[in-house]
Amino acid sequence: MEFEFSSHAQEMLKERHISEDWVWNTLSAPDTQKMGADNNSHYFKSIEKNEGRVLHVVVNSRVSPKRVVTVFFDRKAGR
């Protein structure tokens, strides 16, 4: 899989203390994946090393390489 991080996503990794490894794990083996109304792919994965919180990774799949738009722990997603 080829992905690049947007500058916003890179900032969010630092600001929100999200490991890049967690993002790669979410992209390679998501618990759930769906297409959003925004036409972006949304990947979800429970991160055991962070109390099982659900990491939400938003990817623009219409560009090459695919671009990680943003990452955050999703409070609305079930644990």
C-alpha atoms as a PDB file:
ATOM      1  CA  MET A   1       0.000   0.000   0.000  1.00  0.00           C
ATOM      2  CA  GLU A   2       1.284   3.419  -0.884  1.00  0.00           C
ATOM      3  CA  PHE A   3       0.151   6.277   1.319  1.00  0.00           C
ATOM      4  CA  GLU A   4       1.444   9.722   2.143  1.00  0.00           C
ATOM      5  CA  PHE A   5       0.522  11.915   5.091  1.00  0.00           C
ATOM      6  CA  SER A   6      -0.917  15.377   4.515  1.00  0.00           C
ATOM      7  CA  SER A   7       0.708  18.139   6.522  1.00  0.00           C
ATOM      8  CA  HIS A   8      -2.467  18.294   8.614  1.00  0.00           C
ATOM      9  CA  ALA A   9      -2.266  14.558   9.392  1.00  0.00           C
ATOM     10  CA  GLN A  10       1.397  14.918  10.389  1.00  0.00           C
ATOM     11  CA  GLU A  11       0.485  17.745  12.761  1.00  0.00           C
ATOM     12  CA  MET A  12      -2.359  15.687  14.264  1.00  0.00           C
ATOM     13  CA  LEU A  13       0.001  12.752  14.944  1.00  0.00           C
ATOM     14  CA  LYS A  14       2.183  15.037  17.060  1.00  0.00           C
ATOM     15  CA  GLU A  15      -0.605  17.063  18.669  1.00  0.00           C
ATOM     16  CA  ARG A  16      -2.714  14.037  19.587  1.00  0.00           C
ATOM     17  CA  HIS A  17       0.216  11.752  20.503  1.00  0.00           C
ATOM     18  CA  ILE A  18      -0.756   9.143  17.915  1.00  0.00           C
ATOM     19  CA  SER A  19       1.875   6.630  16.903  1.00  0.00           C
ATOM     20  CA  GLU A  20       2.515   6.324  13.175  1.00  0.00           C
ATOM     21  CA  ASP A  21       2.653   2.548  13.738  1.00  0.00           C
ATOM     22  CA  TRP A  22      -0.954   2.674  14.965  1.00  0.00           C
ATOM     23  CA  VAL A  23      -1.941   4.406  11.714  1.00  0.00           C
ATOM     24  CA  TRP A  24      -0.140   1.801   9.570  1.00  0.00           C
ATOM     25  CA  ASN A  25      -1.776  -1.009  11.556  1.00  0.00           C
ATOM     26  CA  THR A  26      -5.176   0.600  11.072  1.00  0.00           C
ATOM     27  CA  LEU A  27      -4.640   0.941   7.332  1.00  0.00           C
ATOM     28  CA  SER A  28      -3.338  -2.597   6.864  1.00  0.00           C
ATOM     29  CA  ALA A  29      -5.835  -4.406   9.142  1.00  0.00           C
ATOM     30  CA  PRO A  30      -8.808  -2.186  10.041  1.00  0.00           C
ATOM     31  CA  ASP A  31     -11.592  -3.429  12.307  1.00  0.00           C
ATOM     32  CA  THR A  32     -13.982  -1.545  10.025  1.00  0.00           C
ATOM     33  CA  GLN A  33     -13.651   0.372   6.778  1.00  0.00           C
ATOM     34  CA  LYS A  34     -16.293   2.413   4.978  1.00  0.00           C
ATOM     35  CA  MET A  35     -16.713   5.048   2.305  1.00  0.00           C
ATOM     36  CA  GLY A  36     -17.866   8.333   3.767  1.00  0.00           C
ATOM     37  CA  ALA A  37     -20.288  10.870   2.347  1.00  0.00           C
ATOM     38  CA  ASP A  38     -17.155  12.973   1.746  1.00  0.00           C
ATOM     39  CA  ASN A  39     -15.925  10.328  -0.762  1.00  0.00           C
ATOM     40  CA  ASN A  40     -12.999   9.527   1.525  1.00  0.00           C
ATOM     41  CA  SER A  41     -12.203   6.085   2.902  1.00  0.00           C
ATOM     42  CA  HIS A  42     -12.605   5.848   6.685  1.00  0.00           C
ATOM     43  CA  TYR A  43     -10.619   3.198   8.572  1.00  0.00           C
ATOM     44  CA  PHE A  44     -11.312   2.284  12.215  1.00  0.00           C
ATOM     45  CA  LYS A  45      -9.290   0.177  14.628  1.00  0.00           C
ATOM     46  CA  SER A  46      -9.355  -0.342  18.374  1.00  0.00           C
ATOM     47  CA  ILE A  47      -5.905   0.411  19.796  1.00  0.00           C
ATOM     48  CA  GLU A  48      -5.306  -1.846  22.781  1.00  0.00           C
ATOM     49  CA  LYS A  49      -2.172   0.086  23.802  1.00  0.00           C
ATOM     50  CA  ASN A  50      -4.392   3.152  24.211  1.00  0.00           C
ATOM     51  CA  GLU A  51      -7.149   1.702  26.414  1.00  0.00           C
ATOM     52  CA  GLY A  52      -8.979   0.239  23.410  1.00  0.00           C
ATOM     53  CA  ARG A  53      -9.865   3.653  22.031  1.00  0.00           C
ATOM     54  CA  VAL A  54     -10.854   3.594  18.364  1.00  0.00           C
ATOM     55  CA  LEU A  55      -8.445   5.232  15.930  1.00  0.00           C
ATOM     56  CA  HIS A  56     -10.155   6.843  12.937  1.00  0.00           C
ATOM     57  CA  VAL A  57      -7.992   7.370   9.849  1.00  0.00           C
ATOM     58  CA  VAL A  58      -9.435   9.329   6.918  1.00  0.00           C
ATOM     59  CA  VAL A  59      -7.851   8.683   3.510  1.00  0.00           C
ATOM     60  CA  ASN A  60      -8.331  10.384   0.158  1.00  0.00           C
ATOM     61  CA  SER A  61      -8.182   7.355  -2.154  1.00  0.00           C
ATOM     62  CA  ARG A  62      -8.757   9.352  -5.325  1.00  0.00           C
ATOM     63  CA  VAL A  63      -5.145  10.559  -5.515  1.00  0.00           C
ATOM     64  CA  SER A  64      -1.925   8.638  -6.041  1.00  0.00           C
ATOM     65  CA  PRO A  65      -0.385   7.880  -3.692  1.00  0.00           C
ATOM     66  CA  LYS A  66      -3.387   7.712  -1.377  1.00  0.00           C
ATOM     67  CA  ARG A  67      -3.311  10.589   1.129  1.00  0.00           C
ATOM     68  CA  VAL A  68      -3.971  10.296   4.849  1.00  0.00           C
ATOM     69  CA  VAL A  69      -6.063  13.407   5.443  1.00  0.00           C
ATOM     70  CA  THR A  70      -6.466  13.257   9.226  1.00  0.00           C
ATOM     71  CA  VAL A  71      -6.262  10.906  12.201  1.00  0.00           C
ATOM     72  CA  PHE A  72      -8.011  11.044  15.566  1.00  0.00           C
ATOM     73  CA  PHE A  73      -9.428   8.928  18.340  1.00  0.00           C
ATOM     74  CA  ASP A  74     -13.136   8.721  17.628  1.00  0.00           C
ATOM     75  CA  ARG A  75     -15.264   9.158  20.745  1.00  0.00           C
ATOM     76  CA  LYS A  76     -18.410   8.235  18.792  1.00  0.00           C
ATOM     77  CA  ALA A  77     -17.041   4.876  17.622  1.00  0.00           C
ATOM     78  CA  GLY A  78     -17.803   1.965  19.935  1.00  0.00           C
ATOM     79  CA  ARG A  79     -15.039   0.259  21.854  1.00  0.00           C
END
